[in-house]
Amino acid sequence: MCQLMSKNNKIIYQLTVEDIQNVANQELGRSLSDAEIESIIEPIAEKIW
């Protein structure tokens, strides 16, 4: 049972602000503002669920 619980709690994917900024720089040619980062947190979470 402990092995199953540890597998269920394993982090599969983690995004950092740096990851998001790297994609923004590649795709948009610029970094996102703090407000832009805040505005995409919920939509990203919704796509994952």
PDB file of N, CA and C in Angstrom:
ATOM      1  N   MET A   1       0.820  -1.192   0.000  1.00  0.00           N
ATOM      2  CA  MET A   1       0.000   0.000   0.000  1.00  0.00           C
ATOM      3  C   MET A   1       0.866   1.259   0.000  1.00  0.00           C
ATOM      4  N   CYS A   2       1.969   1.289   0.739  1.00  0.00           N
ATOM      5  CA  CYS A   2       2.832   2.463   0.765  1.00  0.00           C
ATOM      6  C   CYS A   2       3.422   2.736  -0.605  1.00  0.00           C
ATOM      7  N   GLN A   3       3.782   1.675  -1.330  1.00  0.00           N
ATOM      8  CA  GLN A   3       4.325   1.872  -2.670  1.00  0.00           C
ATOM      9  C   GLN A   3       3.282   2.490  -3.587  1.00  0.00           C
ATOM     10  N   LEU A   4       2.032   2.048  -3.507  1.00  0.00           N
ATOM     11  CA  LEU A   4       0.966   2.597  -4.330  1.00  0.00           C
ATOM     12  C   LEU A   4       0.738   4.066  -3.992  1.00  0.00           C
ATOM     13  N   MET A   5       0.711   4.401  -2.709  1.00  0.00           N
ATOM     14  CA  MET A   5       0.496   5.786  -2.312  1.00  0.00           C
ATOM     15  C   MET A   5       1.633   6.676  -2.807  1.00  0.00           C
ATOM     16  N   SER A   6       2.855   6.201  -2.742  1.00  0.00           N
ATOM     17  CA  SER A   6       3.961   7.026  -3.212  1.00  0.00           C
ATOM     18  C   SER A   6       3.882   7.206  -4.723  1.00  0.00           C
ATOM     19  N   LYS A   7       3.417   6.213  -5.449  1.00  0.00           N
ATOM     20  CA  LYS A   7       3.229   6.360  -6.895  1.00  0.00           C
ATOM     21  C   LYS A   7       2.121   7.353  -7.194  1.00  0.00           C
ATOM     22  N   ASN A   8       1.049   7.336  -6.409  1.00  0.00           N
ATOM     23  CA  ASN A   8      -0.052   8.259  -6.630  1.00  0.00           C
ATOM     24  C   ASN A   8       0.328   9.694  -6.323  1.00  0.00           C
ATOM     25  N   ASN A   9       1.295   9.910  -5.461  1.00  0.00           N
ATOM     26  CA  ASN A   9       1.727  11.252  -5.092  1.00  0.00           C
ATOM     27  C   ASN A   9       2.933  11.733  -5.887  1.00  0.00           C
ATOM     28  N   LYS A  10       3.398  10.923  -6.813  1.00  0.00           N
ATOM     29  CA  LYS A  10       4.570  11.275  -7.611  1.00  0.00           C
ATOM     30  C   LYS A  10       4.242  12.456  -8.526  1.00  0.00           C
ATOM     31  N   ILE A  11       5.131  13.428  -8.577  1.00  0.00           N
ATOM     32  CA  ILE A  11       4.966  14.566  -9.469  1.00  0.00           C
ATOM     33  C   ILE A  11       5.368  14.128 -10.869  1.00  0.00           C
ATOM     34  N   ILE A  12       4.447  14.293 -11.800  1.00  0.00           N
ATOM     35  CA  ILE A  12       4.712  13.888 -13.180  1.00  0.00           C
ATOM     36  C   ILE A  12       5.245  15.063 -13.989  1.00  0.00           C
ATOM     37  N   TYR A  13       4.676  16.230 -13.774  1.00  0.00           N
ATOM     38  CA  TYR A  13       5.108  17.399 -14.534  1.00  0.00           C
ATOM     39  C   TYR A  13       4.969  18.633 -13.670  1.00  0.00           C
ATOM     40  N   GLN A  14       5.960  19.466 -13.696  1.00  0.00           N
ATOM     41  CA  GLN A  14       5.973  20.694 -12.908  1.00  0.00           C
ATOM     42  C   GLN A  14       6.407  21.841 -13.810  1.00  0.00           C
ATOM     43  N   LEU A  15       5.638  22.911 -13.818  1.00  0.00           N
ATOM     44  CA  LEU A  15       5.995  24.098 -14.591  1.00  0.00           C
ATOM     45  C   LEU A  15       6.443  25.200 -13.648  1.00  0.00           C
ATOM     46  N   THR A  16       7.524  25.834 -13.990  1.00  0.00           N
ATOM     47  CA  THR A  16       7.986  26.985 -13.231  1.00  0.00           C
ATOM     48  C   THR A  16       7.730  28.244 -14.058  1.00  0.00           C
ATOM     49  N   VAL A  17       7.803  29.390 -13.415  1.00  0.00           N
ATOM     50  CA  VAL A  17       7.675  30.650 -14.151  1.00  0.00           C
ATOM     51  C   VAL A  17       8.786  30.733 -15.201  1.00  0.00           C
ATOM     52  N   GLU A  18       9.950  30.243 -14.865  1.00  0.00           N
ATOM     53  CA  GLU A  18      11.060  30.237 -15.832  1.00  0.00           C
ATOM     54  C   GLU A  18      10.695  29.425 -17.070  1.00  0.00           C
ATOM     55  N   ASP A  19      10.047  28.269 -16.890  1.00  0.00           N
ATOM     56  CA  ASP A  19       9.619  27.455 -18.024  1.00  0.00           C
ATOM     57  C   ASP A  19       8.651  28.238 -18.912  1.00  0.00           C
ATOM     58  N   ILE A  20       7.687  28.896 -18.268  1.00  0.00           N
ATOM     59  CA  ILE A  20       6.696  29.671 -19.010  1.00  0.00           C
ATOM     60  C   ILE A  20       7.368  30.828 -19.739  1.00  0.00           C
ATOM     61  N   GLN A  21       8.304  31.490 -19.084  1.00  0.00           N
ATOM     62  CA  GLN A  21       9.014  32.597 -19.720  1.00  0.00           C
ATOM     63  C   GLN A  21       9.862  32.115 -20.900  1.00  0.00           C
ATOM     64  N   ASN A  22      10.460  30.950 -20.779  1.00  0.00           N
ATOM     65  CA  ASN A  22      11.236  30.403 -21.901  1.00  0.00           C
ATOM     66  C   ASN A  22      10.352  30.182 -23.115  1.00  0.00           C
ATOM     67  N   VAL A  23       9.171  29.642 -22.905  1.00  0.00           N
ATOM     68  CA  VAL A  23       8.236  29.420 -24.020  1.00  0.00           C
ATOM     69  C   VAL A  23       7.769  30.758 -24.592  1.00  0.00           C
ATOM     70  N   ALA A  24       7.456  31.701 -23.717  1.00  0.00           N
ATOM     71  CA  ALA A  24       7.024  33.024 -24.184  1.00  0.00           C
ATOM     72  C   ALA A  24       8.109  33.681 -25.033  1.00  0.00           C
ATOM     73  N   ASN A  25       9.338  33.583 -24.581  1.00  0.00           N
ATOM     74  CA  ASN A  25      10.436  34.166 -25.356  1.00  0.00           C
ATOM     75  C   ASN A  25      10.615  33.482 -26.698  1.00  0.00           C
ATOM     76  N   GLN A  26      10.446  32.174 -26.740  1.00  0.00           N
ATOM     77  CA  GLN A  26      10.561  31.434 -28.005  1.00  0.00           C
ATOM     78  C   GLN A  26       9.406  31.755 -28.945  1.00  0.00           C
ATOM     79  N   GLU A  27       8.193  31.795 -28.403  1.00  0.00           N
ATOM     80  CA  GLU A  27       6.997  31.955 -29.230  1.00  0.00           C
ATOM     81  C   GLU A  27       6.631  33.413 -29.511  1.00  0.00           C
ATOM     82  N   LEU A  28       6.859  34.282 -28.546  1.00  0.00           N
ATOM     83  CA  LEU A  28       6.445  35.682 -28.679  1.00  0.00           C
ATOM     84  C   LEU A  28       7.619  36.640 -28.867  1.00  0.00           C
ATOM     85  N   GLY A  29       8.813  36.151 -28.576  1.00  0.00           N
ATOM     86  CA  GLY A  29       9.989  37.002 -28.673  1.00  0.00           C
ATOM     87  C   GLY A  29      10.120  37.973 -27.512  1.00  0.00           C
ATOM     88  N   ARG A  30       9.426  37.704 -26.411  1.00  0.00           N
ATOM     89  CA  ARG A  30       9.507  38.572 -25.234  1.00  0.00           C
ATOM     90  C   ARG A  30       9.076  37.803 -24.002  1.00  0.00           C
ATOM     91  N   SER A  31       9.438  38.342 -22.843  1.00  0.00           N
ATOM     92  CA  SER A  31       8.986  37.786 -21.572  1.00  0.00           C
ATOM     93  C   SER A  31       7.586  38.290 -21.271  1.00  0.00           C
ATOM     94  N   LEU A  32       6.868  37.545 -20.441  1.00  0.00           N
ATOM     95  CA  LEU A  32       5.546  37.958 -19.993  1.00  0.00           C
ATOM     96  C   LEU A  32       5.672  38.806 -18.737  1.00  0.00           C
ATOM     97  N   SER A  33       4.739  39.718 -18.578  1.00  0.00           N
ATOM     98  CA  SER A  33       4.694  40.524 -17.355  1.00  0.00           C
ATOM     99  C   SER A  33       4.148  39.665 -16.218  1.00  0.00           C
ATOM    100  N   ASP A  34       4.293  40.154 -14.995  1.00  0.00           N
ATOM    101  CA  ASP A  34       3.731  39.441 -13.845  1.00  0.00           C
ATOM    102  C   ASP A  34       2.223  39.265 -14.006  1.00  0.00           C
ATOM    103  N   ALA A  35       1.548  40.292 -14.502  1.00  0.00           N
ATOM    104  CA  ALA A  35       0.093  40.211 -14.705  1.00  0.00           C
ATOM    105  C   ALA A  35      -0.256  39.158 -15.752  1.00  0.00           C
ATOM    106  N   GLU A  36       0.536  39.060 -16.803  1.00  0.00           N
ATOM    107  CA  GLU A  36       0.286  38.045 -17.834  1.00  0.00           C
ATOM    108  C   GLU A  36       0.500  36.642 -17.274  1.00  0.00           C
ATOM    109  N   ILE A  37       1.540  36.477 -16.481  1.00  0.00           N
ATOM    110  CA  ILE A  37       1.790  35.175 -15.846  1.00  0.00           C
ATOM    111  C   ILE A  37       0.592  34.803 -14.980  1.00  0.00           C
ATOM    112  N   GLU A  38       0.142  35.734 -14.148  1.00  0.00           N
ATOM    113  CA  GLU A  38      -1.008  35.475 -13.274  1.00  0.00           C
ATOM    114  C   GLU A  38      -2.243  35.095 -14.091  1.00  0.00           C
ATOM    115  N   SER A  39      -2.428  35.742 -15.235  1.00  0.00           N
ATOM    116  CA  SER A  39      -3.636  35.502 -16.034  1.00  0.00           C
ATOM    117  C   SER A  39      -3.642  34.140 -16.718  1.00  0.00           C
ATOM    118  N   ILE A  40      -2.496  33.496 -16.850  1.00  0.00           N
ATOM    119  CA  ILE A  40      -2.487  32.188 -17.526  1.00  0.00           C
ATOM    120  C   ILE A  40      -2.400  31.003 -16.571  1.00  0.00           C
ATOM    121  N   ILE A  41      -2.241  31.268 -15.284  1.00  0.00           N
ATOM    122  CA  ILE A  41      -2.131  30.161 -14.325  1.00  0.00           C
ATOM    123  C   ILE A  41      -3.377  29.285 -14.352  1.00  0.00           C
ATOM    124  N   GLU A  42      -4.541  29.879 -14.233  1.00  0.00           N
ATOM    125  CA  GLU A  42      -5.792  29.117 -14.209  1.00  0.00           C
ATOM    126  C   GLU A  42      -6.044  28.378 -15.531  1.00  0.00           C
ATOM    127  N   PRO A  43      -5.896  29.028 -16.682  1.00  0.00           N
ATOM    128  CA  PRO A  43      -6.102  28.287 -17.942  1.00  0.00           C
ATOM    129  C   PRO A  43      -5.155  27.091 -18.114  1.00  0.00           C
ATOM    130  N   ILE A  44      -3.915  27.239 -17.666  1.00  0.00           N
ATOM    131  CA  ILE A  44      -2.986  26.104 -17.735  1.00  0.00           C
ATOM    132  C   ILE A  44      -3.473  24.986 -16.842  1.00  0.00           C
ATOM    133  N   ALA A  45      -3.863  25.311 -15.624  1.00  0.00           N
ATOM    134  CA  ALA A  45      -4.360  24.297 -14.677  1.00  0.00           C
ATOM    135  C   ALA A  45      -5.588  23.595 -15.230  1.00  0.00           C
ATOM    136  N   GLU A  46      -6.484  24.327 -15.875  1.00  0.00           N
ATOM    137  CA  GLU A  46      -7.689  23.734 -16.452  1.00  0.00           C
ATOM    138  C   GLU A  46      -7.355  22.749 -17.567  1.00  0.00           C
ATOM    139  N   LYS A  47      -6.329  23.026 -18.341  1.00  0.00           N
ATOM    140  CA  LYS A  47      -5.921  22.123 -19.436  1.00  0.00           C
ATOM    141  C   LYS A  47      -5.343  20.829 -18.894  1.00  0.00           C
ATOM    142  N   ILE A  48      -4.669  20.935 -17.747  1.00  0.00           N
ATOM    143  CA  ILE A  48      -4.053  19.737 -17.148  1.00  0.00           C
ATOM    144  C   ILE A  48      -5.114  18.818 -16.568  1.00  0.00           C
ATOM    145  N   TRP A  49      -6.148  19.382 -15.947  1.00  0.00           N
ATOM    146  CA  TRP A  49      -7.190  18.569 -15.330  1.00  0.00           C
ATOM    147  C   TRP A  49      -8.035  17.999 -16.400  1.00  0.00           C
TER     148      TRP A  49
END
